[in-house]
Amino acid sequence: MNHIVTVQDAVTAFADFMEPTPAELGAIDAEMPVILADVELLDAQILTLDRTPSEVDVRRIRRARRRALAARVALVNRQAGRSDGAA
């Protein structure tokens, strides 16, 4: 007979170690403009899933795509600047 045991103690025993470190929080904060730009792009694309995109929709998606790309370029440039141009 197999006994059913709770694993809550095993799961919550490491709860303190599962929190993000300050370095990880800093990395998330640095990537936040990229994340927000990607969310904006997804929102623009989701709006057109069930219909034919109008000219305004096409422009909205194009602008969101440009913002997402610009946010990624800015992030890469910031990271390259921190590594003293070694990237």
PDB file of N, CA and C in Angstrom:
ATOM      1  N   MET A   1       0.840  -1.183   0.000  1.00  0.00           N
ATOM      2  CA  MET A   1       0.000   0.000   0.000  1.00  0.00           C
ATOM      3  C   MET A   1       0.878   1.237   0.000  1.00  0.00           C
ATOM      4  N   ASN A   2       0.580   2.164  -0.888  1.00  0.00           N
ATOM      5  CA  ASN A   2       1.323   3.411  -0.961  1.00  0.00           C
ATOM      6  C   ASN A   2       0.652   4.448  -0.083  1.00  0.00           C
ATOM      7  N   HIS A   3       1.445   5.139   0.694  1.00  0.00           N
ATOM      8  CA  HIS A   3       0.917   6.183   1.566  1.00  0.00           C
ATOM      9  C   HIS A   3       1.000   7.527   0.861  1.00  0.00           C
ATOM     10  N   ILE A   4      -0.032   8.306   0.991  1.00  0.00           N
ATOM     11  CA  ILE A   4      -0.052   9.639   0.409  1.00  0.00           C
ATOM     12  C   ILE A   4       0.485  10.607   1.456  1.00  0.00           C
ATOM     13  N   VAL A   5       1.506  11.317   1.104  1.00  0.00           N
ATOM     14  CA  VAL A   5       2.114  12.264   2.023  1.00  0.00           C
ATOM     15  C   VAL A   5       2.077  13.653   1.420  1.00  0.00           C
ATOM     16  N   THR A   6       1.985  14.622   2.252  1.00  0.00           N
ATOM     17  CA  THR A   6       2.014  15.991   1.740  1.00  0.00           C
ATOM     18  C   THR A   6       3.446  16.390   1.455  1.00  0.00           C
ATOM     19  N   VAL A   7       3.625  17.189   0.447  1.00  0.00           N
ATOM     20  CA  VAL A   7       4.961  17.656   0.091  1.00  0.00           C
ATOM     21  C   VAL A   7       5.092  19.146   0.357  1.00  0.00           C
ATOM     22  N   GLN A   8       4.168  19.695   1.102  1.00  0.00           N
ATOM     23  CA  GLN A   8       4.205  21.130   1.350  1.00  0.00           C
ATOM     24  C   GLN A   8       5.482  21.537   2.073  1.00  0.00           C
ATOM     25  N   ASP A   9       5.910  20.743   3.055  1.00  0.00           N
ATOM     26  CA  ASP A   9       7.137  21.092   3.765  1.00  0.00           C
ATOM     27  C   ASP A   9       8.328  21.092   2.820  1.00  0.00           C
ATOM     28  N   ALA A  10       8.378  20.133   1.922  1.00  0.00           N
ATOM     29  CA  ALA A  10       9.483  20.073   0.969  1.00  0.00           C
ATOM     30  C   ALA A  10       9.435  21.246  -0.003  1.00  0.00           C
ATOM     31  N   VAL A  11       8.253  21.670  -0.388  1.00  0.00           N
ATOM     32  CA  VAL A  11       8.119  22.768  -1.343  1.00  0.00           C
ATOM     33  C   VAL A  11       8.417  24.107  -0.677  1.00  0.00           C
ATOM     34  N   THR A  12       7.877  24.332   0.495  1.00  0.00           N
ATOM     35  CA  THR A  12       8.050  25.620   1.148  1.00  0.00           C
ATOM     36  C   THR A  12       9.360  25.730   1.920  1.00  0.00           C
ATOM     37  N   ALA A  13      10.100  24.644   2.033  1.00  0.00           N
ATOM     38  CA  ALA A  13      11.368  24.702   2.770  1.00  0.00           C
ATOM     39  C   ALA A  13      12.372  25.597   2.057  1.00  0.00           C
ATOM     40  N   PHE A  14      12.259  25.711   0.745  1.00  0.00           N
ATOM     41  CA  PHE A  14      13.210  26.501  -0.023  1.00  0.00           C
ATOM     42  C   PHE A  14      12.627  27.840  -0.478  1.00  0.00           C
ATOM     43  N   ALA A  15      11.565  28.284   0.147  1.00  0.00           N
ATOM     44  CA  ALA A  15      10.885  29.498  -0.290  1.00  0.00           C
ATOM     45  C   ALA A  15      11.802  30.712  -0.239  1.00  0.00           C
ATOM     46  N   ASP A  16      12.668  30.805   0.762  1.00  0.00           N
ATOM     47  CA  ASP A  16      13.568  31.959   0.855  1.00  0.00           C
ATOM     48  C   ASP A  16      14.560  31.987  -0.300  1.00  0.00           C
ATOM     49  N   PHE A  17      14.936  30.821  -0.780  1.00  0.00           N
ATOM     50  CA  PHE A  17      15.919  30.758  -1.848  1.00  0.00           C
ATOM     51  C   PHE A  17      15.296  30.975  -3.222  1.00  0.00           C
ATOM     52  N   MET A  18      13.983  30.934  -3.290  1.00  0.00           N
ATOM     53  CA  MET A  18      13.309  31.071  -4.574  1.00  0.00           C
ATOM     54  C   MET A  18      13.016  32.525  -4.933  1.00  0.00           C
ATOM     55  N   GLU A  19      13.269  33.430  -4.052  1.00  0.00           N
ATOM     56  CA  GLU A  19      13.045  34.851  -4.327  1.00  0.00           C
ATOM     57  C   GLU A  19      14.129  35.351  -5.279  1.00  0.00           C
ATOM     58  N   PRO A  20      13.789  36.279  -6.157  1.00  0.00           N
ATOM     59  CA  PRO A  20      14.809  36.811  -7.076  1.00  0.00           C
ATOM     60  C   PRO A  20      15.849  37.640  -6.315  1.00  0.00           C
ATOM     61  N   THR A  21      17.061  37.552  -6.783  1.00  0.00           N
ATOM     62  CA  THR A  21      18.149  38.312  -6.182  1.00  0.00           C
ATOM     63  C   THR A  21      18.079  39.753  -6.677  1.00  0.00           C
ATOM     64  N   PRO A  22      18.765  40.659  -6.003  1.00  0.00           N
ATOM     65  CA  PRO A  22      18.793  42.036  -6.501  1.00  0.00           C
ATOM     66  C   PRO A  22      19.341  42.150  -7.928  1.00  0.00           C
ATOM     67  N   ALA A  23      20.297  41.300  -8.276  1.00  0.00           N
ATOM     68  CA  ALA A  23      20.830  41.327  -9.647  1.00  0.00           C
ATOM     69  C   ALA A  23      19.768  40.896 -10.659  1.00  0.00           C
ATOM     70  N   GLU A  24      18.985  39.874 -10.305  1.00  0.00           N
ATOM     71  CA  GLU A  24      17.926  39.422 -11.202  1.00  0.00           C
ATOM     72  C   GLU A  24      16.838  40.483 -11.341  1.00  0.00           C
ATOM     73  N   LEU A  25      16.499  41.143 -10.238  1.00  0.00           N
ATOM     74  CA  LEU A  25      15.514  42.223 -10.295  1.00  0.00           C
ATOM     75  C   LEU A  25      16.015  43.384 -11.152  1.00  0.00           C
ATOM     76  N   GLY A  26      17.308  43.661 -11.047  1.00  0.00           N
ATOM     77  CA  GLY A  26      17.903  44.714 -11.874  1.00  0.00           C
ATOM     78  C   GLY A  26      17.860  44.367 -13.353  1.00  0.00           C
ATOM     79  N   ALA A  27      18.098  43.087 -13.673  1.00  0.00           N
ATOM     80  CA  ALA A  27      18.031  42.643 -15.066  1.00  0.00           C
ATOM     81  C   ALA A  27      16.606  42.750 -15.600  1.00  0.00           C
ATOM     82  N   ILE A  28      15.635  42.386 -14.782  1.00  0.00           N
ATOM     83  CA  ILE A  28      14.233  42.504 -15.194  1.00  0.00           C
ATOM     84  C   ILE A  28      13.879  43.970 -15.413  1.00  0.00           C
ATOM     85  N   ASP A  29      14.341  44.819 -14.510  1.00  0.00           N
ATOM     86  CA  ASP A  29      14.072  46.253 -14.634  1.00  0.00           C
ATOM     87  C   ASP A  29      14.705  46.824 -15.905  1.00  0.00           C
ATOM     88  N   ALA A  30      15.906  46.354 -16.231  1.00  0.00           N
ATOM     89  CA  ALA A  30      16.574  46.831 -17.448  1.00  0.00           C
ATOM     90  C   ALA A  30      15.845  46.370 -18.703  1.00  0.00           C
ATOM     91  N   GLU A  31      15.224  45.188 -18.651  1.00  0.00           N
ATOM     92  CA  GLU A  31      14.518  44.653 -19.811  1.00  0.00           C
ATOM     93  C   GLU A  31      13.061  45.089 -19.875  1.00  0.00           C
ATOM     94  N   MET A  32      12.580  45.831 -18.900  1.00  0.00           N
ATOM     95  CA  MET A  32      11.174  46.215 -18.853  1.00  0.00           C
ATOM     96  C   MET A  32      10.713  46.995 -20.094  1.00  0.00           C
ATOM     97  N   PRO A  33      11.493  47.935 -20.647  1.00  0.00           N
ATOM     98  CA  PRO A  33      11.040  48.598 -21.875  1.00  0.00           C
ATOM     99  C   PRO A  33      10.812  47.619 -23.028  1.00  0.00           C
ATOM    100  N   VAL A  34      11.650  46.597 -23.132  1.00  0.00           N
ATOM    101  CA  VAL A  34      11.482  45.585 -24.183  1.00  0.00           C
ATOM    102  C   VAL A  34      10.211  44.780 -23.927  1.00  0.00           C
ATOM    103  N   ILE A  35       9.990  44.410 -22.685  1.00  0.00           N
ATOM    104  CA  ILE A  35       8.805  43.634 -22.325  1.00  0.00           C
ATOM    105  C   ILE A  35       7.540  44.424 -22.641  1.00  0.00           C
ATOM    106  N   LEU A  36       7.514  45.686 -22.242  1.00  0.00           N
ATOM    107  CA  LEU A  36       6.328  46.514 -22.492  1.00  0.00           C
ATOM    108  C   LEU A  36       6.094  46.744 -23.984  1.00  0.00           C
ATOM    109  N   ALA A  37       7.174  46.913 -24.742  1.00  0.00           N
ATOM    110  CA  ALA A  37       7.030  47.093 -26.191  1.00  0.00           C
ATOM    111  C   ALA A  37       6.507  45.812 -26.838  1.00  0.00           C
ATOM    112  N   ASP A  38       6.967  44.657 -26.365  1.00  0.00           N
ATOM    113  CA  ASP A  38       6.469  43.393 -26.897  1.00  0.00           C
ATOM    114  C   ASP A  38       4.999  43.190 -26.554  1.00  0.00           C
ATOM    115  N   VAL A  39       4.594  43.585 -25.360  1.00  0.00           N
ATOM    116  CA  VAL A  39       3.185  43.484 -24.971  1.00  0.00           C
ATOM    117  C   VAL A  39       2.330  44.385 -25.858  1.00  0.00           C
ATOM    118  N   GLU A  40       2.831  45.588 -26.139  1.00  0.00           N
ATOM    119  CA  GLU A  40       2.094  46.501 -27.020  1.00  0.00           C
ATOM    120  C   GLU A  40       1.950  45.914 -28.430  1.00  0.00           C
ATOM    121  N   LEU A  41       3.003  45.287 -28.921  1.00  0.00           N
ATOM    122  CA  LEU A  41       2.948  44.648 -30.235  1.00  0.00           C
ATOM    123  C   LEU A  41       1.943  43.497 -30.227  1.00  0.00           C
ATOM    124  N   LEU A  42       1.978  42.687 -29.201  1.00  0.00           N
ATOM    125  CA  LEU A  42       1.020  41.590 -29.113  1.00  0.00           C
ATOM    126  C   LEU A  42      -0.411  42.092 -29.040  1.00  0.00           C
ATOM    127  N   ASP A  43      -0.629  43.155 -28.270  1.00  0.00           N
ATOM    128  CA  ASP A  43      -1.977  43.733 -28.191  1.00  0.00           C
ATOM    129  C   ASP A  43      -2.464  44.186 -29.566  1.00  0.00           C
ATOM    130  N   ALA A  44      -1.583  44.835 -30.315  1.00  0.00           N
ATOM    131  CA  ALA A  44      -1.961  45.305 -31.651  1.00  0.00           C
ATOM    132  C   ALA A  44      -2.255  44.130 -32.579  1.00  0.00           C
ATOM    133  N   GLN A  45      -1.491  43.062 -32.459  1.00  0.00           N
ATOM    134  CA  GLN A  45      -1.718  41.899 -33.301  1.00  0.00           C
ATOM    135  C   GLN A  45      -2.987  41.152 -32.893  1.00  0.00           C
ATOM    136  N   ILE A  46      -3.245  41.063 -31.599  1.00  0.00           N
ATOM    137  CA  ILE A  46      -4.435  40.365 -31.112  1.00  0.00           C
ATOM    138  C   ILE A  46      -5.704  41.071 -31.578  1.00  0.00           C
ATOM    139  N   LEU A  47      -5.663  42.397 -31.633  1.00  0.00           N
ATOM    140  CA  LEU A  47      -6.838  43.143 -32.087  1.00  0.00           C
ATOM    141  C   LEU A  47      -7.269  42.766 -33.499  1.00  0.00           C
ATOM    142  N   THR A  48      -6.333  42.300 -34.305  1.00  0.00           N
ATOM    143  CA  THR A  48      -6.651  42.022 -35.708  1.00  0.00           C
ATOM    144  C   THR A  48      -6.832  40.540 -35.998  1.00  0.00           C
ATOM    145  N   LEU A  49      -6.868  39.703 -34.975  1.00  0.00           N
ATOM    146  CA  LEU A  49      -6.985  38.270 -35.214  1.00  0.00           C
ATOM    147  C   LEU A  49      -8.321  37.880 -35.846  1.00  0.00           C
ATOM    148  N   ASP A  50      -9.382  38.511 -35.457  1.00  0.00           N
ATOM    149  CA  ASP A  50     -10.705  38.084 -35.915  1.00  0.00           C
ATOM    150  C   ASP A  50     -11.303  38.992 -36.985  1.00  0.00           C
ATOM    151  N   ARG A  51     -10.469  39.824 -37.584  1.00  0.00           N
ATOM    152  CA  ARG A  51     -10.980  40.701 -38.634  1.00  0.00           C
ATOM    153  C   ARG A  51      -9.851  41.041 -39.601  1.00  0.00           C
ATOM    154  N   THR A  52     -10.237  41.575 -40.717  1.00  0.00           N
ATOM    155  CA  THR A  52      -9.239  42.051 -41.672  1.00  0.00           C
ATOM    156  C   THR A  52      -8.680  43.366 -41.147  1.00  0.00           C
ATOM    157  N   PRO A  53      -7.358  43.464 -41.052  1.00  0.00           N
ATOM    158  CA  PRO A  53      -6.773  44.695 -40.503  1.00  0.00           C
ATOM    159  C   PRO A  53      -7.076  45.906 -41.383  1.00  0.00           C
ATOM    160  N   SER A  54      -7.505  46.970 -40.743  1.00  0.00           N
ATOM    161  CA  SER A  54      -7.715  48.225 -41.464  1.00  0.00           C
ATOM    162  C   SER A  54      -6.371  48.935 -41.604  1.00  0.00           C
ATOM    163  N   GLU A  55      -6.377  50.056 -42.296  1.00  0.00           N
ATOM    164  CA  GLU A  55      -5.146  50.830 -42.449  1.00  0.00           C
ATOM    165  C   GLU A  55      -4.632  51.307 -41.098  1.00  0.00           C
ATOM    166  N   VAL A  56      -5.544  51.665 -40.219  1.00  0.00           N
ATOM    167  CA  VAL A  56      -5.150  52.108 -38.872  1.00  0.00           C
ATOM    168  C   VAL A  56      -4.512  50.952 -38.108  1.00  0.00           C
ATOM    169  N   ASP A  57      -5.084  49.750 -38.240  1.00  0.00           N
ATOM    170  CA  ASP A  57      -4.506  48.575 -37.582  1.00  0.00           C
ATOM    171  C   ASP A  57      -3.110  48.279 -38.109  1.00  0.00           C
ATOM    172  N   VAL A  58      -2.950  48.383 -39.407  1.00  0.00           N
ATOM    173  CA  VAL A  58      -1.642  48.126 -40.017  1.00  0.00           C
ATOM    174  C   VAL A  58      -0.612  49.123 -39.493  1.00  0.00           C
ATOM    175  N   ARG A  59      -1.008  50.389 -39.412  1.00  0.00           N
ATOM    176  CA  ARG A  59      -0.087  51.408 -38.880  1.00  0.00           C
ATOM    177  C   ARG A  59       0.233  51.153 -37.419  1.00  0.00           C
ATOM    178  N   ARG A  60      -0.769  50.754 -36.646  1.00  0.00           N
ATOM    179  CA  ARG A  60      -0.570  50.467 -35.218  1.00  0.00           C
ATOM    180  C   ARG A  60       0.429  49.319 -35.038  1.00  0.00           C
ATOM    181  N   ILE A  61       0.275  48.273 -35.836  1.00  0.00           N
ATOM    182  CA  ILE A  61       1.193  47.131 -35.750  1.00  0.00           C
ATOM    183  C   ILE A  61       2.592  47.541 -36.186  1.00  0.00           C
ATOM    184  N   ARG A  62       2.676  48.329 -37.245  1.00  0.00           N
ATOM    185  CA  ARG A  62       3.982  48.777 -37.740  1.00  0.00           C
ATOM    186  C   ARG A  62       4.703  49.635 -36.699  1.00  0.00           C
ATOM    187  N   ARG A  63       3.948  50.565 -36.062  1.00  0.00           N
ATOM    188  CA  ARG A  63       4.551  51.392 -35.009  1.00  0.00           C
ATOM    189  C   ARG A  63       4.980  50.553 -33.817  1.00  0.00           C
ATOM    190  N   ALA A  64       4.153  49.593 -33.420  1.00  0.00           N
ATOM    191  CA  ALA A  64       4.481  48.731 -32.283  1.00  0.00           C
ATOM    192  C   ALA A  64       5.704  47.873 -32.601  1.00  0.00           C
ATOM    193  N   ARG A  65       5.796  47.392 -33.840  1.00  0.00           N
ATOM    194  CA  ARG A  65       6.953  46.594 -34.240  1.00  0.00           C
ATOM    195  C   ARG A  65       8.227  47.440 -34.195  1.00  0.00           C
ATOM    196  N   ARG A  66       8.123  48.697 -34.660  1.00  0.00           N
ATOM    197  CA  ARG A  66       9.291  49.594 -34.612  1.00  0.00           C
ATOM    198  C   ARG A  66       9.706  49.906 -33.175  1.00  0.00           C
ATOM    199  N   ARG A  67       8.710  50.129 -32.301  1.00  0.00           N
ATOM    200  CA  ARG A  67       9.027  50.394 -30.893  1.00  0.00           C
ATOM    201  C   ARG A  67       9.698  49.188 -30.242  1.00  0.00           C
ATOM    202  N   ALA A  68       9.204  47.993 -30.549  1.00  0.00           N
ATOM    203  CA  ALA A  68       9.803  46.783 -29.981  1.00  0.00           C
ATOM    204  C   ALA A  68      11.248  46.628 -30.456  1.00  0.00           C
ATOM    205  N   LEU A  69      11.468  46.871 -31.732  1.00  0.00           N
ATOM    206  CA  LEU A  69      12.828  46.781 -32.265  1.00  0.00           C
ATOM    207  C   LEU A  69      13.729  47.846 -31.651  1.00  0.00           C
ATOM    208  N   ALA A  70      13.223  49.064 -31.526  1.00  0.00           N
ATOM    209  CA  ALA A  70      14.025  50.144 -30.932  1.00  0.00           C
ATOM    210  C   ALA A  70      14.348  49.845 -29.472  1.00  0.00           C
ATOM    211  N   ALA A  71      13.406  49.260 -28.749  1.00  0.00           N
ATOM    212  CA  ALA A  71      13.658  48.910 -27.344  1.00  0.00           C
ATOM    213  C   ALA A  71      14.730  47.831 -27.250  1.00  0.00           C
ATOM    214  N   ARG A  72      14.689  46.861 -28.156  1.00  0.00           N
ATOM    215  CA  ARG A  72      15.716  45.814 -28.153  1.00  0.00           C
ATOM    216  C   ARG A  72      17.093  46.384 -28.500  1.00  0.00           C
ATOM    217  N   VAL A  73      17.140  47.267 -29.482  1.00  0.00           N
ATOM    218  CA  VAL A  73      18.414  47.887 -29.860  1.00  0.00           C
ATOM    219  C   VAL A  73      18.968  48.704 -28.699  1.00  0.00           C
ATOM    220  N   ALA A  74      18.110  49.457 -28.025  1.00  0.00           N
ATOM    221  CA  ALA A  74      18.556  50.258 -26.886  1.00  0.00           C
ATOM    222  C   ALA A  74      19.088  49.369 -25.769  1.00  0.00           C
ATOM    223  N   LEU A  75      18.434  48.239 -25.529  1.00  0.00           N
ATOM    224  CA  LEU A  75      18.898  47.319 -24.487  1.00  0.00           C
ATOM    225  C   LEU A  75      20.266  46.744 -24.846  1.00  0.00           C
ATOM    226  N   VAL A  76      20.429  46.331 -26.089  1.00  0.00           N
ATOM    227  CA  VAL A  76      21.715  45.772 -26.524  1.00  0.00           C
ATOM    228  C   VAL A  76      22.807  46.830 -26.428  1.00  0.00           C
ATOM    229  N   ASN A  77      22.505  48.057 -26.818  1.00  0.00           N
ATOM    230  CA  ASN A  77      23.499  49.125 -26.742  1.00  0.00           C
ATOM    231  C   ASN A  77      23.879  49.430 -25.300  1.00  0.00           C
ATOM    232  N   ARG A  78      22.893  49.413 -24.388  1.00  0.00           N
ATOM    233  CA  ARG A  78      23.204  49.634 -22.970  1.00  0.00           C
ATOM    234  C   ARG A  78      24.077  48.518 -22.427  1.00  0.00           C
ATOM    235  N   GLN A  79      23.775  47.282 -22.805  1.00  0.00           N
ATOM    236  CA  GLN A  79      24.574  46.149 -22.326  1.00  0.00           C
ATOM    237  C   GLN A  79      25.976  46.178 -22.920  1.00  0.00           C
ATOM    238  N   ALA A  80      26.102  46.597 -24.161  1.00  0.00           N
ATOM    239  CA  ALA A  80      27.418  46.702 -24.790  1.00  0.00           C
ATOM    240  C   ALA A  80      28.238  47.815 -24.143  1.00  0.00           C
ATOM    241  N   GLY A  81      27.576  48.883 -23.745  1.00  0.00           N
ATOM    242  CA  GLY A  81      28.269  49.977 -23.076  1.00  0.00           C
ATOM    243  C   GLY A  81      28.779  49.595 -21.715  1.00  0.00           C
ATOM    244  N   ARG A  82      28.052  48.723 -21.020  1.00  0.00           N
ATOM    245  CA  ARG A  82      28.496  48.259 -19.698  1.00  0.00           C
ATOM    246  C   ARG A  82      29.671  47.321 -19.779  1.00  0.00           C
ATOM    247  N   SER A  83      29.760  46.562 -20.891  1.00  0.00           N
ATOM    248  CA  SER A  83      30.854  45.590 -21.008  1.00  0.00           C
ATOM    249  C   SER A  83      32.087  46.202 -21.676  1.00  0.00           C
ATOM    250  N   ASP A  84      32.165  47.521 -21.717  1.00  0.00           N
ATOM    251  CA  ASP A  84      33.301  48.259 -22.274  1.00  0.00           C
ATOM    252  C   ASP A  84      33.539  47.926 -23.742  1.00  0.00           C
ATOM    253  N   GLY A  85      32.462  47.733 -24.484  1.00  0.00           N
ATOM    254  CA  GLY A  85      32.578  47.522 -25.922  1.00  0.00           C
ATOM    255  C   GLY A  85      33.041  46.142 -26.311  1.00  0.00           C
ATOM    256  N   ALA A  86      33.135  45.210 -25.377  1.00  0.00           N
ATOM    257  CA  ALA A  86      33.609  43.869 -25.699  1.00  0.00           C
ATOM    258  C   ALA A  86      32.555  43.023 -26.369  1.00  0.00           C
ATOM    259  N   ALA A  87      31.304  43.491 -26.392  1.00  0.00           N
ATOM    260  CA  ALA A  87      30.238  42.663 -26.985  1.00  0.00           C
ATOM    261  C   ALA A  87      30.189  42.786 -28.483  1.00  0.00           C
TER     262      ALA A  87
END
